[in-house]
C-alpha atoms as a PDB file:
ATOM      1  CA  MET A   1     -45.156  24.920 -44.840  1.00  0.00           C
ATOM      2  CA  PHE A   2     -42.812  26.945 -42.636  1.00  0.00           C
ATOM      3  CA  ILE A   3     -44.547  29.226 -40.213  1.00  0.00           C
ATOM      4  CA  ASN A   4     -42.085  31.813 -38.249  1.00  0.00           C
ATOM      5  CA  LEU A   5     -43.917  32.417 -35.027  1.00  0.00           C
ATOM      6  CA  ARG A   6     -40.922  34.251 -33.598  1.00  0.00           C
ATOM      7  CA  GLU A   7     -41.125  37.170 -36.084  1.00  0.00           C
ATOM      8  CA  ILE A   8     -37.144  37.050 -36.021  1.00  0.00           C
ATOM      9  CA  PRO A   9     -35.440  36.703 -39.457  1.00  0.00           C
ATOM     10  CA  VAL A  10     -34.220  33.054 -40.230  1.00  0.00           C
ATOM     11  CA  THR A  11     -30.760  32.868 -41.312  1.00  0.00           C
ATOM     12  CA  ASP A  12     -30.459  29.416 -42.431  1.00  0.00           C
ATOM     13  CA  PHE A  13     -32.915  26.461 -42.780  1.00  0.00           C
ATOM     14  CA  ALA A  14     -31.864  22.807 -43.371  1.00  0.00           C
ATOM     15  CA  TRP A  15     -33.693  19.519 -43.776  1.00  0.00           C
ATOM     16  CA  SER A  16     -32.164  16.361 -42.190  1.00  0.00           C
ATOM     17  CA  HIS A  17     -31.155  13.962 -44.844  1.00  0.00           C
ATOM     18  CA  ASP A  18     -34.265  11.704 -44.028  1.00  0.00           C
ATOM     19  CA  GLY A  19     -36.504  14.612 -44.444  1.00  0.00           C
ATOM     20  CA  ARG A  20     -38.150  14.065 -40.939  1.00  0.00           C
ATOM     21  CA  MET A  21     -36.657  16.966 -39.069  1.00  0.00           C
ATOM     22  CA  ALA A  22     -35.661  20.730 -39.681  1.00  0.00           C
ATOM     23  CA  LEU A  23     -32.679  22.764 -38.356  1.00  0.00           C
ATOM     24  CA  ILE A  24     -33.585  26.567 -38.220  1.00  0.00           C
ATOM     25  CA  CYS A  25     -31.139  29.095 -37.314  1.00  0.00           C
ATOM     26  CA  TYR A  26     -32.454  32.706 -36.412  1.00  0.00           C
ATOM     27  CA  ARG A  27     -30.587  36.048 -36.658  1.00  0.00           C
ATOM     28  CA  ASP A  28     -30.830  36.574 -32.920  1.00  0.00           C
ATOM     29  CA  GLY A  29     -28.952  33.353 -32.099  1.00  0.00           C
ATOM     30  CA  PHE A  30     -31.787  31.003 -31.433  1.00  0.00           C
ATOM     31  CA  ILE A  31     -31.393  27.504 -32.956  1.00  0.00           C
ATOM     32  CA  LEU A  32     -34.419  25.082 -33.326  1.00  0.00           C
ATOM     33  CA  VAL A  33     -34.559  21.497 -34.397  1.00  0.00           C
ATOM     34  CA  GLY A  34     -38.112  20.287 -34.978  1.00  0.00           C
ATOM     35  CA  SER A  35     -40.082  17.508 -36.640  1.00  0.00           C
ATOM     36  CA  VAL A  36     -42.128  17.920 -39.765  1.00  0.00           C
ATOM     37  CA  ALA A  37     -45.153  17.521 -37.510  1.00  0.00           C
ATOM     38  CA  GLY A  38     -44.285  20.510 -35.495  1.00  0.00           C
ATOM     39  CA  GLN A  39     -42.541  18.705 -32.456  1.00  0.00           C
ATOM     40  CA  ARG A  40     -39.605  20.421 -30.893  1.00  0.00           C
ATOM     41  CA  TYR A  41     -36.693  18.087 -30.337  1.00  0.00           C
ATOM     42  CA  TRP A  42     -34.058  20.646 -29.244  1.00  0.00           C
ATOM     43  CA  SER A  43     -33.589  24.477 -29.006  1.00  0.00           C
ATOM     44  CA  SER A  44     -31.099  26.895 -27.541  1.00  0.00           C
ATOM     45  CA  MET A  45     -30.100  30.509 -27.542  1.00  0.00           C
ATOM     46  CA  LEU A  46     -26.486  31.234 -28.377  1.00  0.00           C
ATOM     47  CA  ASN A  47     -24.615  34.342 -26.931  1.00  0.00           C
ATOM     48  CA  LEU A  48     -23.326  35.640 -30.413  1.00  0.00           C
ATOM     49  CA  ASP A  49     -21.842  38.933 -29.325  1.00  0.00           C
ATOM     50  CA  SER A  50     -22.848  41.018 -32.398  1.00  0.00           C
ATOM     51  CA  THR A  51     -22.518  38.152 -35.037  1.00  0.00           C
ATOM     52  CA  CYS A  52     -25.217  35.919 -36.350  1.00  0.00           C
ATOM     53  CA  ILE A  53     -25.491  32.236 -37.370  1.00  0.00           C
ATOM     54  CA  THR A  54     -25.202  32.053 -41.101  1.00  0.00           C
ATOM     55  CA  CYS A  55     -25.230  28.299 -41.551  1.00  0.00           C
ATOM     56  CA  GLY A  56     -26.054  25.072 -39.757  1.00  0.00           C
ATOM     57  CA  VAL A  57     -25.523  21.570 -41.028  1.00  0.00           C
ATOM     58  CA  TRP A  58     -26.580  17.913 -40.331  1.00  0.00           C
ATOM     59  CA  SER A  59     -24.112  15.081 -39.789  1.00  0.00           C
ATOM     60  CA  PRO A  60     -24.486  12.380 -42.682  1.00  0.00           C
ATOM     61  CA  ASP A  61     -26.537  10.188 -40.110  1.00  0.00           C
ATOM     62  CA  ASP A  62     -28.676  13.077 -38.831  1.00  0.00           C
ATOM     63  CA  SER A  63     -27.631  12.440 -35.226  1.00  0.00           C
ATOM     64  CA  GLN A  64     -25.880  15.832 -34.856  1.00  0.00           C
ATOM     65  CA  VAL A  65     -26.334  19.356 -35.980  1.00  0.00           C
ATOM     66  CA  LYS A  66     -23.283  21.787 -36.115  1.00  0.00           C
ATOM     67  CA  GLY A  67     -22.307  25.290 -36.839  1.00  0.00           C
ATOM     68  CA  ARG A  68     -19.286  27.419 -36.347  1.00  0.00           C
ATOM     69  CA  GLY A  69     -18.399  27.371 -32.603  1.00  0.00           C
ATOM     70  CA  TRP A  70     -21.353  24.819 -31.806  1.00  0.00           C
ATOM     71  CA  SER A  71     -22.476  21.254 -32.085  1.00  0.00           C
ATOM     72  CA  VAL A  72     -25.227  19.316 -30.652  1.00  0.00           C
ATOM     73  CA  ARG A  73     -25.794  15.452 -30.390  1.00  0.00           C
ATOM     74  CA  LEU A  74     -29.521  14.862 -30.756  1.00  0.00           C
ATOM     75  CA  GLU A  75     -30.821  11.730 -28.821  1.00  0.00           C
END
């Protein structure tokens, strides 16, 4: 079950290929990578200048998440 505690609309949600992590993108530019157990692995607020994130993707080996204009390597 996904619970949105931020009360900001989610614009994209993607499971990692192994199903252990989720990438969640919010309309205000906040991006969150977390585990199925609720642990936050990484998060950031992007300055979007009146645009919003519409899509985020996982690399084939689940080591990175990417979107238009941003990319993060997960350790």
